[in-house]
Amino acid sequence: MAATRKIEVFSAGCAVCEDTIALINKIACPSCEVEILDMHKPEVSKKAKRYGIRSVPAVVVDGKLADCCAGRGPDEAALRAAGLGRPL
């Protein structure tokens, strides 16, 4: 059996997600196994949480969240610095 690299793409079906899926499909090699996961499904959302995914699209390669997708998502300190939670 030939070795494969597992690529998981977490998507909400938005235009940016579709662009990411197209990019992954374009650069995937013959030994890449690409799986598109729908974040609207509760089991996929739970899996995303286990990987530490905070925003989509997100890409996991061989069980590790790709650096390009890590650390994103809402951050309370940044939102407060932008004025959220302070009256005008």
C-alpha atoms as a PDB file:
ATOM      1  CA  MET A   1       0.000   0.000   0.000  1.00  0.00           C
ATOM      2  CA  ALA A   2       1.377   3.402  -0.944  1.00  0.00           C
ATOM      3  CA  ALA A   3       1.741   6.070   1.735  1.00  0.00           C
ATOM      4  CA  THR A   4      -0.638   9.012   1.563  1.00  0.00           C
ATOM      5  CA  ARG A   5      -0.723  12.481   3.061  1.00  0.00           C
ATOM      6  CA  LYS A   6      -4.125  13.267   4.577  1.00  0.00           C
ATOM      7  CA  ILE A   7      -5.396  16.782   3.892  1.00  0.00           C
ATOM      8  CA  GLU A   8      -8.554  17.934   5.689  1.00  0.00           C
ATOM      9  CA  VAL A   9     -10.176  21.200   4.605  1.00  0.00           C
ATOM     10  CA  PHE A  10     -12.712  22.650   7.030  1.00  0.00           C
ATOM     11  CA  SER A  11     -15.219  24.750   5.107  1.00  0.00           C
ATOM     12  CA  ALA A  12     -18.439  26.666   5.706  1.00  0.00           C
ATOM     13  CA  GLY A  13     -19.193  26.835   1.986  1.00  0.00           C
ATOM     14  CA  CYS A  14     -18.337  30.533   1.615  1.00  0.00           C
ATOM     15  CA  ALA A  15     -16.516  32.010  -1.375  1.00  0.00           C
ATOM     16  CA  VAL A  16     -13.217  32.191   0.523  1.00  0.00           C
ATOM     17  CA  CYS A  17     -13.610  28.534   1.532  1.00  0.00           C
ATOM     18  CA  GLU A  18     -14.288  27.572  -2.090  1.00  0.00           C
ATOM     19  CA  ASP A  19     -11.135  29.423  -3.183  1.00  0.00           C
ATOM     20  CA  THR A  20      -9.120  27.504  -0.593  1.00  0.00           C
ATOM     21  CA  ILE A  21     -10.579  24.190  -1.741  1.00  0.00           C
ATOM     22  CA  ALA A  22      -9.647  25.046  -5.326  1.00  0.00           C
ATOM     23  CA  LEU A  23      -6.088  25.918  -4.231  1.00  0.00           C
ATOM     24  CA  ILE A  24      -5.705  22.687  -2.258  1.00  0.00           C
ATOM     25  CA  ASN A  25      -6.986  20.631  -5.194  1.00  0.00           C
ATOM     26  CA  LYS A  26      -4.610  22.480  -7.537  1.00  0.00           C
ATOM     27  CA  ILE A  27      -1.462  21.859  -5.481  1.00  0.00           C
ATOM     28  CA  ALA A  28      -2.302  18.430  -4.036  1.00  0.00           C
ATOM     29  CA  CYS A  29       0.017  15.690  -5.232  1.00  0.00           C
ATOM     30  CA  PRO A  30      -1.063  12.206  -6.337  1.00  0.00           C
ATOM     31  CA  SER A  31      -0.284  10.849  -2.864  1.00  0.00           C
ATOM     32  CA  CYS A  32      -2.502  13.466  -1.170  1.00  0.00           C
ATOM     33  CA  GLU A  33      -5.885  12.350   0.091  1.00  0.00           C
ATOM     34  CA  VAL A  34      -8.075  15.482   0.231  1.00  0.00           C
ATOM     35  CA  GLU A  35     -11.223  15.530   2.360  1.00  0.00           C
ATOM     36  CA  ILE A  36     -13.604  18.501   2.486  1.00  0.00           C
ATOM     37  CA  LEU A  37     -15.400  18.818   5.822  1.00  0.00           C
ATOM     38  CA  ASP A  38     -18.642  20.810   6.224  1.00  0.00           C
ATOM     39  CA  MET A  39     -18.567  22.931   9.386  1.00  0.00           C
ATOM     40  CA  HIS A  40     -22.374  22.981   9.407  1.00  0.00           C
ATOM     41  CA  LYS A  41     -22.291  19.368  10.633  1.00  0.00           C
ATOM     42  CA  PRO A  42     -22.009  19.064  14.430  1.00  0.00           C
ATOM     43  CA  GLU A  43     -19.481  16.219  14.289  1.00  0.00           C
ATOM     44  CA  VAL A  44     -17.230  18.273  12.002  1.00  0.00           C
ATOM     45  CA  SER A  45     -17.463  21.291  14.314  1.00  0.00           C
ATOM     46  CA  LYS A  46     -16.417  19.104  17.249  1.00  0.00           C
ATOM     47  CA  LYS A  47     -13.471  17.755  15.269  1.00  0.00           C
ATOM     48  CA  ALA A  48     -12.452  21.306  14.321  1.00  0.00           C
ATOM     49  CA  LYS A  49     -12.520  22.318  17.970  1.00  0.00           C
ATOM     50  CA  ARG A  50     -10.218  19.408  18.867  1.00  0.00           C
ATOM     51  CA  TYR A  51      -7.714  20.670  16.263  1.00  0.00           C
ATOM     52  CA  GLY A  52      -7.934  24.198  17.683  1.00  0.00           C
ATOM     53  CA  ILE A  53      -9.581  25.659  14.586  1.00  0.00           C
ATOM     54  CA  ARG A  54     -11.033  29.097  15.320  1.00  0.00           C
ATOM     55  CA  SER A  55     -11.951  30.255  11.817  1.00  0.00           C
ATOM     56  CA  VAL A  56     -12.569  28.844   8.368  1.00  0.00           C
ATOM     57  CA  PRO A  57     -11.317  27.955   5.905  1.00  0.00           C
ATOM     58  CA  ALA A  58      -8.774  25.865   7.782  1.00  0.00           C
ATOM     59  CA  VAL A  59      -6.442  23.140   6.541  1.00  0.00           C
ATOM     60  CA  VAL A  60      -5.108  20.194   8.527  1.00  0.00           C
ATOM     61  CA  VAL A  61      -2.206  18.195   7.090  1.00  0.00           C
ATOM     62  CA  ASP A  62      -1.567  14.760   8.563  1.00  0.00           C
ATOM     63  CA  GLY A  63      -3.411  15.649  11.764  1.00  0.00           C
ATOM     64  CA  LYS A  64      -1.718  19.033  12.335  1.00  0.00           C
ATOM     65  CA  LEU A  65      -3.356  22.404  11.771  1.00  0.00           C
ATOM     66  CA  ALA A  66      -1.337  24.185   9.077  1.00  0.00           C
ATOM     67  CA  ASP A  67       0.571  27.245  10.310  1.00  0.00           C
ATOM     68  CA  CYS A  68      -1.369  29.448   7.904  1.00  0.00           C
ATOM     69  CA  CYS A  69      -4.579  28.567   9.747  1.00  0.00           C
ATOM     70  CA  ALA A  70      -3.455  28.662  13.379  1.00  0.00           C
ATOM     71  CA  GLY A  71      -4.138  31.438  15.847  1.00  0.00           C
ATOM     72  CA  ARG A  72      -6.866  33.167  13.895  1.00  0.00           C
ATOM     73  CA  GLY A  73     -10.385  33.878  14.962  1.00  0.00           C
ATOM     74  CA  PRO A  74     -11.948  36.392  17.309  1.00  0.00           C
ATOM     75  CA  ASP A  75      -9.651  37.626  20.051  1.00  0.00           C
ATOM     76  CA  GLU A  76     -11.260  39.475  22.955  1.00  0.00           C
ATOM     77  CA  ALA A  77      -8.303  41.792  23.576  1.00  0.00           C
ATOM     78  CA  ALA A  78      -8.142  42.836  19.916  1.00  0.00           C
ATOM     79  CA  LEU A  79     -11.908  43.383  19.769  1.00  0.00           C
ATOM     80  CA  ARG A  80     -11.837  45.517  22.929  1.00  0.00           C
ATOM     81  CA  ALA A  81      -8.905  47.527  21.503  1.00  0.00           C
ATOM     82  CA  ALA A  82     -11.077  48.210  18.449  1.00  0.00           C
ATOM     83  CA  GLY A  83     -13.743  49.687  20.722  1.00  0.00           C
ATOM     84  CA  LEU A  84     -16.101  46.773  21.291  1.00  0.00           C
ATOM     85  CA  GLY A  85     -17.769  47.002  24.706  1.00  0.00           C
ATOM     86  CA  ARG A  86     -17.144  50.740  25.172  1.00  0.00           C
ATOM     87  CA  PRO A  87     -20.019  53.200  24.844  1.00  0.00           C
ATOM     88  CA  LEU A  88     -19.565  56.027  22.350  1.00  0.00           C
END
